[in-house]
Amino acid sequence: MIIDCAPISRVSDGVPISNMCDGTIYVISAKETDKRAARSAIEDLNRNGAHVIGTVLTKVENTGSHKYGYGYGYRYGYGEE
């Protein structure tokens, strides 16, 4: 079962609920979450007995021109102009 809680910095429900779970994944928004607030929230979870198994970073802006994906294509007469 997955339990979704409100941000820990706004509502304190996440800390006691995390103690009843097998593991906690902390979700961080690249655009909205302050780095110090995220670090403090993870420290609060650890201090109160939560088993933090990882983090997820969301809303990351693509700043490069390289994109990943799949494609299909072929060329006839490779090497000929």
Protein backbone atom coordinates (compact mmCIF):
# COMPACT_ATOMS: atom_id res chain seq x y z
CA MET A 1 0.00 0.00 0.00
CA ILE A 2 1.18 3.53 -0.79
CA ILE A 3 0.19 6.40 1.50
CA ASP A 4 0.50 9.94 0.15
CA CYS A 5 0.86 12.71 2.73
CA ALA A 6 0.87 16.48 2.61
CA PRO A 7 4.24 18.27 2.66
CA ILE A 8 5.94 17.81 6.03
CA SER A 9 6.80 21.50 6.25
CA ARG A 10 3.10 22.43 6.15
CA VAL A 11 1.35 19.59 8.00
CA SER A 12 2.81 17.35 10.69
CA ASP A 13 0.86 14.21 9.66
CA GLY A 14 3.74 12.80 7.63
CA VAL A 15 6.08 12.11 10.54
CA PRO A 16 3.78 9.86 12.64
CA ILE A 17 2.44 8.13 9.52
CA SER A 18 6.00 7.40 8.35
CA ASN A 19 6.62 5.54 11.60
CA MET A 20 3.84 3.09 10.73
CA CYS A 21 5.20 2.42 7.22
CA ASP A 22 7.88 0.02 6.03
CA GLY A 23 9.65 2.82 4.19
CA THR A 24 9.37 6.48 3.26
CA ILE A 25 10.16 8.10 -0.09
CA TYR A 26 10.59 11.86 0.16
CA VAL A 27 9.47 13.77 -2.95
CA ILE A 28 11.27 17.03 -3.73
CA SER A 29 10.20 19.60 -6.35
CA ALA A 30 13.19 21.07 -8.17
CA LYS A 31 11.26 24.29 -8.77
CA GLU A 32 9.48 24.76 -5.45
CA THR A 33 11.28 22.99 -2.60
CA ASP A 34 13.93 24.94 -0.70
CA LYS A 35 17.08 22.85 -0.25
CA ARG A 36 17.38 23.69 3.45
CA ALA A 37 13.72 22.84 4.07
CA ALA A 38 14.12 19.47 2.34
CA ARG A 39 17.23 18.64 4.36
CA SER A 40 15.46 19.64 7.58
CA ALA A 41 12.40 17.53 6.75
CA ILE A 42 14.52 14.44 6.03
CA GLU A 43 16.43 14.99 9.28
CA ASP A 44 13.09 15.25 11.14
CA LEU A 45 11.93 11.99 9.60
CA ASN A 46 15.17 10.21 10.53
CA ARG A 47 15.18 11.67 14.05
CA ASN A 48 11.64 10.42 14.63
CA GLY A 49 12.31 6.86 13.50
CA ALA A 50 11.19 6.90 9.86
CA HIS A 51 12.95 4.56 7.47
CA VAL A 52 13.77 6.93 4.58
CA ILE A 53 14.61 4.69 1.63
CA GLY A 54 15.15 7.43 -0.92
CA THR A 55 14.04 10.60 -2.62
CA VAL A 56 12.38 11.51 -5.89
CA LEU A 57 13.19 14.78 -7.67
CA THR A 58 10.30 16.16 -9.73
CA LYS A 59 9.76 19.17 -11.99
CA VAL A 60 13.31 19.18 -13.35
CA GLU A 61 13.73 21.59 -16.24
CA ASN A 62 15.39 20.26 -19.38
CA THR A 63 18.17 22.80 -20.04
CA GLY A 64 20.06 20.86 -22.69
CA SER A 65 19.26 20.32 -26.33
CA HIS A 66 19.84 16.57 -26.11
CA LYS A 67 16.71 14.50 -25.85
CA TYR A 68 16.29 10.81 -25.34
CA GLY A 69 13.87 8.62 -27.19
CA TYR A 70 13.38 5.84 -29.65
CA GLY A 71 13.22 6.06 -33.38
CA TYR A 72 13.42 4.03 -36.51
CA GLY A 73 15.03 4.88 -39.79
CA TYR A 74 17.11 3.57 -42.65
CA ARG A 75 19.27 4.90 -45.43
CA TYR A 76 19.81 3.51 -48.88
CA GLY A 77 23.26 3.81 -50.36
CA TYR A 78 25.09 4.75 -47.18
CA GLY A 79 28.26 6.64 -47.98
CA GLU A 80 27.13 7.76 -51.43
CA GLU A 81 26.24 11.34 -52.18
